[in-house]
N, C-alpha and C. Protein backbone atom coordinates (compact mmCIF):
# COMPACT_ATOMS: atom_id res chain seq x y z
N UNK A 1 101.05 114.11 103.37
CA UNK A 1 101.87 114.59 105.10
C UNK A 1 102.32 113.46 106.31
N UNK A 2 103.48 113.81 106.71
CA UNK A 2 104.51 112.99 107.21
C UNK A 2 104.19 112.74 108.45
N UNK A 3 104.49 111.06 108.67
CA UNK A 3 103.77 110.03 109.44
C UNK A 3 104.76 110.00 110.51
N UNK A 4 104.60 109.86 111.94
CA UNK A 4 105.62 109.02 112.76
C UNK A 4 105.43 107.63 112.89
N UNK A 5 106.23 107.33 112.63
CA UNK A 5 106.71 105.30 113.37
C UNK A 5 107.02 105.28 114.56
N UNK A 6 106.40 103.82 115.22
CA UNK A 6 106.98 104.02 116.57
C UNK A 6 107.37 101.98 116.65
N UNK A 7 108.46 102.24 116.05
CA UNK A 7 108.92 100.16 116.29
C UNK A 7 109.57 100.02 117.93
N UNK A 8 108.83 99.02 117.96
CA UNK A 8 108.42 97.97 119.26
C UNK A 8 109.65 97.47 119.23
N UNK A 9 110.87 96.75 119.85
CA UNK A 9 112.11 95.91 119.57
C UNK A 9 113.21 96.61 118.29
N UNK A 10 113.39 97.37 118.94
CA UNK A 10 114.57 98.21 117.71
C UNK A 10 115.55 97.54 117.46
N UNK A 11 115.70 96.60 118.58
CA UNK A 11 117.54 95.98 118.24
C UNK A 11 117.39 94.93 118.09
N UNK A 12 116.16 94.60 117.89
CA UNK A 12 116.47 93.05 117.34
C UNK A 12 116.15 92.42 115.71
N UNK A 13 116.64 91.44 115.32
CA UNK A 13 116.79 91.48 114.30
C UNK A 13 116.25 92.11 112.97
N UNK A 14 115.32 91.96 113.18
CA UNK A 14 113.87 92.16 112.31
C UNK A 14 113.65 94.30 112.43
N UNK A 15 113.84 94.49 114.25
CA UNK A 15 113.77 95.84 114.49
C UNK A 15 114.67 96.69 114.15
N UNK A 16 116.19 96.57 113.97
CA UNK A 16 116.81 97.13 113.58
C UNK A 16 117.22 97.56 112.05
N UNK A 17 116.91 96.29 111.25
CA UNK A 17 116.50 96.65 109.86
C UNK A 17 115.80 98.12 109.63
N UNK A 18 114.62 98.10 109.78
CA UNK A 18 113.35 98.97 109.99
C UNK A 18 113.60 99.93 110.35
N UNK A 19 113.89 100.27 111.95
CA UNK A 19 114.78 101.92 112.13
C UNK A 19 115.46 102.36 110.43
N UNK A 20 116.50 101.79 110.60
CA UNK A 20 117.33 102.34 109.32
C UNK A 20 116.48 102.37 107.82
N UNK A 21 115.65 101.58 107.50
CA UNK A 21 114.79 102.40 106.42
C UNK A 21 113.69 103.22 106.74
N UNK A 22 112.83 103.02 107.86
CA UNK A 22 112.53 104.41 108.31
C UNK A 22 112.78 105.84 108.34
N UNK A 23 114.03 105.47 108.85
CA UNK A 23 115.07 106.98 109.03
C UNK A 23 115.02 107.50 107.91
N UNK A 24 115.18 106.39 106.68
CA UNK A 24 115.83 107.28 105.45
C UNK A 24 114.59 107.58 103.98
N UNK A 25 113.57 107.00 104.95
CA UNK A 25 112.21 107.37 104.47
C UNK A 25 111.34 109.09 104.65
N UNK A 26 111.03 109.35 103.33
CA UNK A 26 110.23 110.50 104.07
C UNK A 26 109.34 110.44 104.14
N UNK A 27 108.11 109.44 104.45
CA UNK A 27 107.19 109.09 104.61
C UNK A 27 107.12 109.58 105.97
N UNK A 28 108.17 109.12 106.75
CA UNK A 28 108.31 108.86 108.24
C UNK A 28 108.87 110.85 108.47
N UNK A 29 108.27 111.32 109.64
CA UNK A 29 109.11 112.40 110.06
C UNK A 29 110.36 112.33 111.43
N UNK A 30 109.70 111.56 111.90
CA UNK A 30 110.05 110.40 113.55
C UNK A 30 109.57 109.08 113.80
N UNK A 31 110.70 109.06 114.56
CA UNK A 31 110.95 107.27 114.60
C UNK A 31 110.61 107.54 115.40
N UNK A 32 110.13 107.12 116.71
CA UNK A 32 110.48 106.40 118.58
C UNK A 32 110.80 105.31 118.33
N UNK A 33 111.96 104.54 118.66
CA UNK A 33 112.11 103.34 119.10
C UNK A 33 112.57 103.13 120.21
N UNK A 34 111.36 101.65 120.62
CA UNK A 34 111.59 101.89 121.59
C UNK A 34 112.46 100.03 121.60
N UNK A 35 113.31 100.56 123.30
CA UNK A 35 114.43 99.32 123.65
C UNK A 35 114.68 99.38 124.98
N UNK A 36 115.60 98.54 125.60
CA UNK A 36 115.95 97.84 126.94
C UNK A 36 117.56 98.68 126.68
N UNK A 37 118.08 98.65 126.05
CA UNK A 37 119.55 99.05 125.55
C UNK A 37 119.19 100.31 125.10
N UNK A 38 119.91 100.83 124.85
CA UNK A 38 120.41 102.43 123.92
C UNK A 38 120.92 101.93 122.33
N UNK A 39 119.79 102.56 121.91
CA UNK A 39 120.92 102.30 120.60
C UNK A 39 121.50 102.66 120.26
N UNK A 40 122.71 102.25 118.63
CA UNK A 40 124.01 102.92 118.95
C UNK A 40 124.66 103.34 117.78
N UNK A 41 122.89 104.05 117.20
CA UNK A 41 122.82 105.25 115.73
C UNK A 41 121.65 106.11 117.02
N UNK A 42 122.36 107.68 116.12
CA UNK A 42 121.68 108.67 116.04
C UNK A 42 121.14 109.17 114.99
N UNK A 43 119.96 110.09 115.15
CA UNK A 43 119.61 110.57 114.00
C UNK A 43 118.77 111.77 114.39
N UNK A 44 117.92 112.90 113.42
CA UNK A 44 117.87 113.78 113.63
C UNK A 44 116.37 113.80 113.81
N UNK A 45 115.73 112.81 113.32
CA UNK A 45 114.63 111.73 113.39
C UNK A 45 114.26 111.40 114.27
N UNK A 46 115.17 110.61 115.13
CA UNK A 46 115.12 109.36 115.68
C UNK A 46 115.20 110.03 117.28
N UNK A 47 114.20 109.08 118.02
CA UNK A 47 113.97 109.49 119.28
C UNK A 47 114.45 107.63 120.21
N UNK A 48 114.96 107.53 120.86
CA UNK A 48 115.50 106.22 121.74
C UNK A 48 114.77 106.22 122.59
N UNK A 49 113.16 105.61 123.13
CA UNK A 49 112.23 105.61 124.39
C UNK A 49 113.22 103.79 125.25
N UNK A 50 113.59 104.05 126.11
CA UNK A 50 114.45 103.28 126.80
C UNK A 50 112.63 102.57 127.43
N UNK A 51 112.94 100.94 127.98
CA UNK A 51 111.43 100.55 128.65
C UNK A 51 111.64 99.49 128.74
N UNK A 52 111.15 99.03 129.56
CA UNK A 52 111.51 97.54 130.40
C UNK A 52 110.35 96.58 130.41
N UNK A 53 110.37 95.29 130.65
CA UNK A 53 109.13 94.79 130.72
C UNK A 53 108.12 95.16 132.28
N UNK A 54 107.20 95.40 132.22
CA UNK A 54 106.19 96.24 133.03
C UNK A 54 106.22 97.41 133.17
N UNK A 55 107.50 98.09 132.13
CA UNK A 55 106.89 100.05 132.76
C UNK A 55 106.14 100.52 131.69
N UNK A 56 105.22 99.80 131.69
CA UNK A 56 104.21 99.89 130.46
C UNK A 56 103.23 101.61 130.85
N UNK A 57 103.86 102.01 132.01
CA UNK A 57 102.70 103.62 131.83
C UNK A 57 104.12 104.87 130.72
N UNK A 58 105.29 104.06 131.03
CA UNK A 58 105.68 105.09 129.94
C UNK A 58 105.46 105.16 128.70
N UNK A 59 104.55 104.09 127.87
CA UNK A 59 103.69 104.21 127.02
C UNK A 59 102.76 104.68 126.48
N UNK A 60 102.10 105.90 128.53
CA UNK A 60 101.21 106.84 127.97
C UNK A 60 101.11 108.05 127.27
N UNK A 61 102.76 108.06 127.28
CA UNK A 61 102.59 109.70 126.52
C UNK A 61 103.03 109.96 125.09
N UNK A 62 103.42 108.19 124.78
CA UNK A 62 103.65 108.54 123.19
C UNK A 62 102.82 108.33 122.47
N UNK A 63 103.56 109.27 121.15
CA UNK A 63 102.33 109.04 120.27
C UNK A 63 102.81 108.07 118.74
N UNK A 64 101.87 108.32 118.20
CA UNK A 64 102.16 107.38 116.52
C UNK A 64 101.59 106.75 115.61
N UNK A 65 101.11 107.76 114.14
CA UNK A 65 100.58 107.34 113.37
C UNK A 65 100.83 105.36 112.80
N UNK A 66 101.64 105.24 113.23
CA UNK A 66 102.28 103.50 112.39
C UNK A 66 103.04 102.77 113.97
N UNK A 67 102.63 101.92 113.89
CA UNK A 67 103.20 100.90 114.52
C UNK A 67 103.52 99.91 115.03
N UNK A 68 104.87 99.67 114.87
CA UNK A 68 105.81 98.33 114.24
C UNK A 68 106.27 97.57 115.18
N UNK A 69 105.45 96.73 115.55
CA UNK A 69 106.06 96.02 116.62
C UNK A 69 107.08 94.36 116.22
N UNK A 70 107.89 94.53 116.53
CA UNK A 70 108.66 93.50 116.02
C UNK A 70 109.74 92.84 117.36
N UNK A 71 108.74 92.55 118.59
CA UNK A 71 109.21 91.83 119.59
C UNK A 71 109.35 90.22 118.96
N UNK A 72 109.84 89.99 119.80
CA UNK A 72 110.35 88.38 120.32
C UNK A 72 111.30 87.93 120.91
N UNK A 73 111.13 86.67 121.04
CA UNK A 73 112.12 85.85 122.58
C UNK A 73 112.13 84.69 121.79
N UNK A 74 113.31 83.82 122.66
CA UNK A 74 112.85 82.23 122.59
C UNK A 74 112.57 81.81 123.84
N UNK A 75 111.62 80.30 124.33
CA UNK A 75 112.19 80.01 125.74
C UNK A 75 112.67 79.78 126.13
N UNK A 76 114.14 79.56 124.95
CA UNK A 76 115.56 79.38 125.82
C UNK A 76 115.78 80.47 126.30
N UNK A 77 115.97 81.57 126.12
CA UNK A 77 116.14 82.99 126.40
C UNK A 77 115.70 83.19 127.31
N UNK A 78 114.36 83.62 127.23
CA UNK A 78 113.36 83.66 128.40
C UNK A 78 113.84 82.99 129.98
N UNK A 79 113.57 81.78 128.98
CA UNK A 79 113.93 80.67 130.32
C UNK A 79 112.91 80.16 131.09
N UNK A 80 111.78 80.87 131.33
CA UNK A 80 110.65 80.07 131.97
C UNK A 80 109.27 81.25 130.53
N UNK A 81 108.72 79.81 130.89
CA UNK A 81 107.38 80.17 129.90
C UNK A 81 106.75 81.29 130.61
N UNK A 82 106.70 81.78 131.48
CA UNK A 82 105.76 83.36 132.02
C UNK A 82 106.49 84.12 131.43
N UNK A 83 108.37 84.49 131.30
CA UNK A 83 108.87 85.55 130.89
C UNK A 83 108.94 85.74 129.26
N UNK A 84 109.04 84.20 128.61
CA UNK A 84 108.21 84.12 127.37
C UNK A 84 107.20 85.39 127.55
N UNK A 85 106.09 85.05 127.87
CA UNK A 85 104.34 85.34 127.68
C UNK A 85 105.03 86.48 128.08
N UNK A 86 105.58 86.90 128.99
CA UNK A 86 105.74 88.88 129.18
C UNK A 86 106.44 89.50 128.18
N UNK A 87 107.00 88.60 127.13
CA UNK A 87 107.72 89.32 126.34
C UNK A 87 106.71 89.26 124.66
N UNK A 88 106.47 88.17 124.73
CA UNK A 88 105.63 88.08 123.09
C UNK A 88 103.78 87.84 123.51
N UNK A 89 103.90 88.27 124.05
CA UNK A 89 102.31 88.45 124.11
C UNK A 89 101.68 90.15 125.41
N UNK A 90 102.36 89.86 126.24
CA UNK A 90 102.12 90.90 127.30
C UNK A 90 102.62 92.35 126.49
N UNK A 91 103.89 92.46 126.39
CA UNK A 91 104.43 93.30 125.85
C UNK A 91 103.80 93.99 124.51
N UNK A 92 103.80 92.97 123.32
CA UNK A 92 102.63 93.79 122.15
C UNK A 92 101.71 94.05 122.91
N UNK A 93 100.75 93.38 123.36
CA UNK A 93 99.22 94.31 123.73
C UNK A 93 98.98 95.25 124.74
N UNK A 94 100.45 95.22 125.07
CA UNK A 94 100.38 96.61 125.93
C UNK A 94 100.87 98.30 124.98
N UNK A 95 101.71 97.66 124.40
CA UNK A 95 101.83 98.72 123.15
C UNK A 95 100.59 98.67 122.12
N UNK A 96 100.15 97.70 121.97
CA UNK A 96 99.09 97.95 120.73
C UNK A 96 97.85 98.44 121.58
N UNK A 97 97.48 98.47 122.78
CA UNK A 97 96.14 99.12 123.43
C UNK A 97 96.56 100.87 123.82
N UNK A 98 97.94 100.59 124.06
CA UNK A 98 97.98 102.09 124.76
C UNK A 98 98.33 103.11 123.64
N UNK A 99 99.46 102.33 122.06
CA UNK A 99 98.91 103.53 121.14
C UNK A 99 97.52 104.10 120.52
N UNK A 100 96.80 102.63 120.73
CA UNK A 100 95.44 102.79 119.99
C UNK A 100 94.68 103.47 120.68
N UNK A 101 94.94 104.22 122.40
CA UNK A 101 94.18 104.98 122.63
C UNK A 101 94.85 106.53 123.04
N UNK A 102 95.84 106.05 122.05
CA UNK A 102 96.86 107.86 122.18
C UNK A 102 96.61 107.77 119.97
N UNK A 103 95.55 107.48 119.51
CA UNK A 103 95.66 107.70 118.22
C UNK A 103 96.09 107.24 117.11
N UNK A 104 97.09 105.92 117.24
CA UNK A 104 97.98 105.28 115.99
C UNK A 104 96.51 104.54 115.25
N UNK A 105 96.35 104.69 113.64
CA UNK A 105 95.76 103.81 113.31
C UNK A 105 96.17 102.76 112.35
N UNK A 106 97.21 102.50 112.54
CA UNK A 106 98.00 101.38 111.64
C UNK A 106 99.13 100.05 112.71
N UNK A 107 98.89 99.12 112.79
CA UNK A 107 99.69 98.60 113.83
C UNK A 107 100.20 97.03 112.90
N UNK A 108 101.06 96.84 113.00
CA UNK A 108 101.95 96.03 112.23
C UNK A 108 102.95 95.24 113.18
N UNK A 109 102.54 93.94 112.90
CA UNK A 109 103.20 92.69 113.79
C UNK A 109 103.67 91.74 113.45
N UNK A 110 105.06 90.80 113.24
CA UNK A 110 105.56 90.21 113.76
C UNK A 110 105.24 88.74 114.19
N UNK A 111 104.79 88.51 114.14
CA UNK A 111 104.38 87.09 114.41
C UNK A 111 105.36 85.75 114.08
N UNK A 112 104.69 84.44 113.65
CA UNK A 112 105.76 83.38 113.37
C UNK A 112 105.06 82.27 112.33
N UNK A 113 105.85 82.18 111.56
CA UNK A 113 105.32 80.67 110.60
C UNK A 113 104.52 79.85 111.71
N UNK A 114 102.75 79.36 111.79
CA UNK A 114 102.24 78.32 112.58
C UNK A 114 102.10 78.80 113.39
N UNK A 115 101.75 80.32 113.56
CA UNK A 115 100.72 80.70 115.29
C UNK A 115 99.86 80.19 114.85
N UNK A 116 98.91 80.01 115.98
CA UNK A 116 97.41 79.55 116.05
C UNK A 116 96.99 79.02 117.77
N UNK A 117 96.23 80.07 118.10
CA UNK A 117 96.18 80.24 119.39
C UNK A 117 95.75 78.53 119.96
N UNK A 118 94.98 78.22 118.89
CA UNK A 118 94.71 76.70 119.56
C UNK A 118 95.42 75.49 119.36
N UNK A 119 97.01 76.16 119.06
CA UNK A 119 97.91 75.18 118.37
C UNK A 119 98.14 74.22 120.40
N UNK A 120 98.86 73.06 119.94
CA UNK A 120 99.46 72.08 121.47
C UNK A 120 100.97 72.68 121.75
N UNK A 121 101.47 73.65 120.44
CA UNK A 121 102.75 74.14 120.85
C UNK A 121 103.47 75.08 121.61
N UNK A 122 103.43 74.98 122.59
CA UNK A 122 103.36 76.53 123.41
C UNK A 122 103.96 77.84 122.80
N UNK A 123 105.18 77.67 121.87
CA UNK A 123 105.03 78.63 121.03
C UNK A 123 104.63 79.35 120.17
N UNK A 124 104.12 78.86 119.62
CA UNK A 124 103.06 78.98 118.19
C UNK A 124 101.44 79.17 119.18
N UNK A 125 100.73 78.94 120.32
CA UNK A 125 100.04 79.21 120.90
C UNK A 125 100.27 80.41 121.42
N UNK A 126 101.42 81.50 122.06
CA UNK A 126 101.17 82.09 122.24
C UNK A 126 100.89 83.05 121.05
N UNK A 127 101.87 82.99 119.91
CA UNK A 127 102.02 83.65 119.31
C UNK A 127 100.58 83.68 118.27
N UNK A 128 99.39 83.06 117.96
CA UNK A 128 98.44 82.92 117.79
C UNK A 128 97.55 83.83 118.64
N UNK A 129 97.68 83.68 120.23
CA UNK A 129 96.81 84.60 120.93
C UNK A 129 97.14 85.94 121.10
N UNK A 130 98.69 86.59 120.55
CA UNK A 130 98.50 87.75 120.78
C UNK A 130 97.97 88.15 119.14
N UNK A 131 98.45 87.81 118.01
CA UNK A 131 97.77 88.11 116.86
C UNK A 131 96.53 88.70 117.14
N UNK A 132 95.88 86.85 117.96
CA UNK A 132 93.75 87.36 118.14
C UNK A 132 93.79 88.77 119.05
N UNK A 133 94.46 88.55 120.36
CA UNK A 133 94.54 89.61 120.82
C UNK A 133 94.18 90.71 120.20
N UNK A 134 95.71 91.38 119.39
CA UNK A 134 95.57 92.63 118.87
C UNK A 134 94.53 92.78 118.05
N UNK A 135 94.05 92.08 117.15
CA UNK A 135 93.03 92.10 116.18
C UNK A 135 91.59 92.82 116.93
N UNK A 136 91.58 92.43 117.70
CA UNK A 136 89.91 92.43 118.66
C UNK A 136 90.45 93.87 118.90
N UNK A 137 90.95 94.47 118.86
CA UNK A 137 91.71 95.86 119.19
C UNK A 137 91.05 97.17 117.90
N UNK A 138 90.98 96.16 117.20
CA UNK A 138 90.38 96.95 116.01
C UNK A 138 90.49 98.15 115.46
N UNK A 139 92.13 97.95 115.47
CA UNK A 139 93.21 99.05 114.26
C UNK A 139 92.04 99.69 112.98
N UNK A 140 92.54 100.95 112.09
CA UNK A 140 92.44 101.16 111.10
C UNK A 140 92.41 100.34 110.42
N UNK A 141 94.10 99.63 110.46
CA UNK A 141 94.33 98.99 109.28
C UNK A 141 94.82 98.17 110.86
N UNK A 142 95.59 96.07 110.42
CA UNK A 142 96.04 95.86 110.96
C UNK A 142 96.79 94.36 110.29
N UNK A 143 98.06 94.79 110.12
CA UNK A 143 99.35 93.67 109.31
C UNK A 143 100.03 92.55 110.14
N UNK A 144 99.79 91.37 110.16
CA UNK A 144 100.67 90.14 110.82
C UNK A 144 101.23 89.21 109.67
N UNK A 145 102.51 89.57 110.00
CA UNK A 145 103.82 89.13 109.39
C UNK A 145 104.31 87.25 109.60
N UNK A 146 103.92 86.24 109.16
CA UNK A 146 104.77 85.69 109.69
C UNK A 146 105.50 84.43 109.05
N UNK A 147 106.92 85.52 109.50
CA UNK A 147 107.98 84.62 108.34
C UNK A 147 108.89 83.20 109.12
N UNK A 148 109.41 82.55 108.48
CA UNK A 148 109.73 81.56 108.86
C UNK A 148 111.11 82.13 109.64
N UNK A 149 112.23 80.54 109.95
CA UNK A 149 112.61 80.93 110.46
C UNK A 149 114.11 82.69 109.55
N UNK A 150 114.60 83.65 110.45
CA UNK A 150 114.23 84.52 110.43
C UNK A 150 116.21 83.94 109.70
N UNK A 151 116.68 85.23 108.81
CA UNK A 151 118.38 85.04 108.63
C UNK A 151 118.71 86.08 108.83
N UNK A 152 120.00 86.16 109.50
CA UNK A 152 120.67 87.78 109.71
C UNK A 152 121.47 87.49 110.64
N UNK A 153 122.51 88.60 110.53
CA UNK A 153 123.44 88.64 112.05
C UNK A 153 122.83 88.79 113.83
N UNK A 154 122.42 88.21 114.00
CA UNK A 154 121.92 88.29 115.14
C UNK A 154 123.04 88.50 116.52
N UNK A 155 122.70 89.54 117.26
CA UNK A 155 124.14 90.27 118.60
C UNK A 155 124.23 89.19 119.02
N UNK A 156 123.09 87.96 119.33
CA UNK A 156 123.09 87.48 120.57
C UNK A 156 123.07 85.54 119.30
N UNK A 157 123.40 85.06 119.96
CA UNK A 157 123.31 83.64 120.00
C UNK A 157 122.21 82.76 120.09
N UNK A 158 121.58 82.27 119.26
CA UNK A 158 120.74 80.85 119.38
C UNK A 158 121.31 79.91 118.76
N UNK A 159 121.56 78.83 118.92
CA UNK A 159 121.98 77.43 119.04
C UNK A 159 121.53 76.73 117.92
N UNK A 160 120.13 76.96 118.29
CA UNK A 160 118.43 75.90 117.32
C UNK A 160 119.05 76.66 116.11
N UNK A 161 118.37 77.78 115.74
CA UNK A 161 118.58 78.34 114.76
C UNK A 161 119.62 78.37 113.60
N UNK A 162 121.28 78.13 114.59
CA UNK A 162 122.00 78.55 114.12
C UNK A 162 122.27 76.84 113.29
N UNK A 163 121.45 76.29 113.89
CA UNK A 163 121.91 75.02 113.54
C UNK A 163 121.15 74.44 112.12
N UNK A 164 120.09 75.61 112.19
CA UNK A 164 118.89 75.17 111.36
C UNK A 164 119.20 76.41 110.21
N UNK A 165 120.10 76.63 110.31
CA UNK A 165 120.50 78.06 109.59
C UNK A 165 122.03 77.14 108.36
N UNK A 166 122.56 76.22 108.48
CA UNK A 166 123.38 75.52 107.59
C UNK A 166 122.25 74.17 107.50
N UNK A 167 121.50 73.96 107.84
CA UNK A 167 120.73 73.05 107.07
C UNK A 167 120.01 73.49 105.76
N UNK A 168 119.61 74.59 106.24
CA UNK A 168 119.09 75.61 104.99
C UNK A 168 119.89 75.79 103.59
N UNK A 169 121.43 76.00 104.00
CA UNK A 169 122.43 76.71 103.63
C UNK A 169 122.83 74.80 102.35
N UNK A 170 122.43 73.84 103.01
CA UNK A 170 123.05 72.85 102.38
C UNK A 170 121.91 71.99 101.62
N UNK A 171 120.10 72.37 102.05
CA UNK A 171 119.22 71.70 101.45
C UNK A 171 118.41 72.46 101.38
N UNK A 172 118.56 74.20 100.94
CA UNK A 172 117.24 74.81 100.75
C UNK A 172 116.26 74.38 99.50
N UNK A 173 117.33 74.37 98.71
CA UNK A 173 116.60 73.63 97.23
C UNK A 173 115.42 72.66 97.15
N UNK A 174 115.60 72.21 98.61
CA UNK A 174 115.35 71.27 98.29
C UNK A 174 113.22 70.94 99.51
N UNK A 175 113.63 72.45 99.78
CA UNK A 175 112.55 72.87 101.11
C UNK A 175 111.56 73.57 100.23
N UNK A 176 109.99 73.25 101.04
CA UNK A 176 109.18 73.90 99.81
C UNK A 176 109.15 75.50 100.75
N UNK A 177 108.88 76.30 99.58
CA UNK A 177 108.84 78.06 99.56
C UNK A 177 108.04 78.45 101.40
N UNK A 178 106.73 77.99 101.71
CA UNK A 178 106.17 78.09 103.32
C UNK A 178 107.45 78.12 104.05
N UNK A 179 108.29 76.64 103.74
CA UNK A 179 109.19 76.62 105.14
C UNK A 179 110.87 77.40 105.24
N UNK A 180 110.63 78.12 103.74
CA UNK A 180 112.25 78.26 103.48
C UNK A 180 112.96 79.61 104.08
N UNK A 181 114.34 79.76 105.56
CA UNK A 181 114.19 80.96 105.98
C UNK A 181 113.90 81.89 105.73
N UNK A 182 114.28 83.27 105.92
CA UNK A 182 113.54 84.67 105.29
C UNK A 182 114.76 85.73 105.40
N UNK A 183 115.23 86.40 104.61
CA UNK A 183 115.76 87.45 105.27
C UNK A 183 114.84 88.52 106.06
N UNK A 184 115.74 88.59 107.66
CA UNK A 184 115.15 90.24 107.99
C UNK A 184 114.66 91.05 107.61
N UNK A 185 115.62 91.29 106.73
CA UNK A 185 115.38 92.75 105.92
C UNK A 185 114.13 92.92 104.56
N UNK A 186 114.06 91.52 103.71
CA UNK A 186 112.91 91.27 102.97
C UNK A 186 111.60 91.47 104.90
N UNK A 187 111.72 90.93 106.07
CA UNK A 187 110.22 91.18 106.36
C UNK A 187 110.36 92.38 106.88
N UNK A 188 111.52 93.33 106.90
CA UNK A 188 111.44 94.62 107.62
C UNK A 188 111.00 95.59 106.40
N UNK A 189 111.65 95.07 104.88
CA UNK A 189 110.87 96.08 103.96
C UNK A 189 109.17 95.88 103.61
N UNK A 190 108.80 94.76 103.73
CA UNK A 190 107.59 94.36 103.61
C UNK A 190 106.66 94.88 104.78
N UNK A 191 107.00 95.43 105.66
CA UNK A 191 106.53 96.00 106.62
C UNK A 191 106.50 97.18 106.38
N UNK A 192 107.55 97.89 105.76
CA UNK A 192 107.31 99.32 105.83
C UNK A 192 106.68 99.38 104.57
N UNK A 193 106.41 98.49 103.54
CA UNK A 193 105.98 98.98 102.10
C UNK A 193 104.23 98.81 101.77
N UNK A 194 103.90 97.89 103.33
CA UNK A 194 102.51 97.88 103.57
C UNK A 194 101.90 98.95 104.61
N UNK A 195 102.91 99.24 105.22
CA UNK A 195 102.26 100.43 105.99
C UNK A 195 102.16 101.42 105.06
N UNK A 196 102.73 101.62 104.21
CA UNK A 196 102.43 102.89 103.15
C UNK A 196 101.46 102.84 102.00
N UNK A 197 101.06 102.07 102.37
CA UNK A 197 99.79 101.06 100.80
C UNK A 197 98.48 101.51 100.87
N UNK A 198 98.14 102.40 102.86
CA UNK A 198 97.07 102.44 103.37
C UNK A 198 96.10 101.53 102.71
N UNK A 199 96.40 100.76 102.84
CA UNK A 199 94.68 99.41 103.34
C UNK A 199 94.46 99.35 104.78
N UNK A 200 92.87 99.45 105.04
CA UNK A 200 93.14 99.10 105.84
C UNK A 200 92.46 97.83 106.01
N UNK A 201 92.39 97.39 107.19
CA UNK A 201 91.36 95.84 107.44
C UNK A 201 92.38 95.32 108.00
N UNK A 202 92.04 93.73 107.77
CA UNK A 202 93.10 92.68 108.20
C UNK A 202 93.83 92.01 107.28
N UNK A 203 94.94 92.10 107.48
CA UNK A 203 95.94 91.34 105.97
C UNK A 203 97.08 90.85 107.18
N UNK A 204 96.74 89.50 106.28
CA UNK A 204 97.62 88.72 107.26
C UNK A 204 99.19 87.90 106.35
N UNK A 205 100.37 88.08 106.47
CA UNK A 205 101.10 87.64 104.89
C UNK A 205 101.76 86.47 105.76
N UNK A 206 101.78 85.47 104.96
CA UNK A 206 102.62 83.95 105.00
C UNK A 206 104.42 84.31 104.85
N UNK A 207 104.93 83.77 105.49
CA UNK A 207 106.92 83.87 104.76
C UNK A 207 106.47 84.13 103.22
N UNK A 208 105.90 82.87 102.55
CA UNK A 208 106.22 82.59 101.58
C UNK A 208 105.58 83.92 100.34
N UNK A 209 104.99 84.33 100.96
CA UNK A 209 104.51 86.11 100.18
C UNK A 209 105.79 86.28 101.00
N UNK A 210 106.11 86.67 101.58
CA UNK A 210 107.35 87.98 101.48
C UNK A 210 108.63 87.80 101.62
N UNK A 211 108.78 86.38 100.59
CA UNK A 211 110.19 86.37 99.63
C UNK A 211 109.79 87.32 98.64
N UNK A 212 109.14 88.15 98.61
CA UNK A 212 109.49 88.36 97.11
C UNK A 212 110.04 90.17 97.60
N UNK A 213 109.88 90.32 98.95
CA UNK A 213 111.01 91.50 99.32
C UNK A 213 111.99 91.63 99.16
């Protein structure tokens, strides 16, 4: 039976790849893509819903079977911890709550390597907190993906990531698998594969496990 997928963060590095994969997959008859700006593509299966932070009431009318959350920013981009928390904690949680209320069965969350709600590192702490909050919603199936540094062409510049990518190119063979950078397409493929697997309950995938995709 054909399903509907919703992608939050559809213009990001993983979200963009995921939308393309979903559009090409016959499992899904409709793809709802949430973004702040219009997508550059059109497709008969695609519905692009524009949503800014705090416009949560727009979520109340959306329905999907599988929810893919690819939202994420950096503190440097967000400029303040409060703004970062809105994007990486409040936004994913509001999406998760609204879609669960409307009947969604699966939630697939892009988190990060080192996510831990008890971490002293603010970034890792917020990632861990949003994981815990979404798990508590008790979806039929919850999938958490914790990639290391994402590789791929971003629309925006992230100087810290650019420097890290150069480091990986030079010393990649010496880096343990757990910490190696990972292509965003591999993460997107993993999300799609697991959404189609039919496995219920909680599933957490560390970066090393995602490299096989």
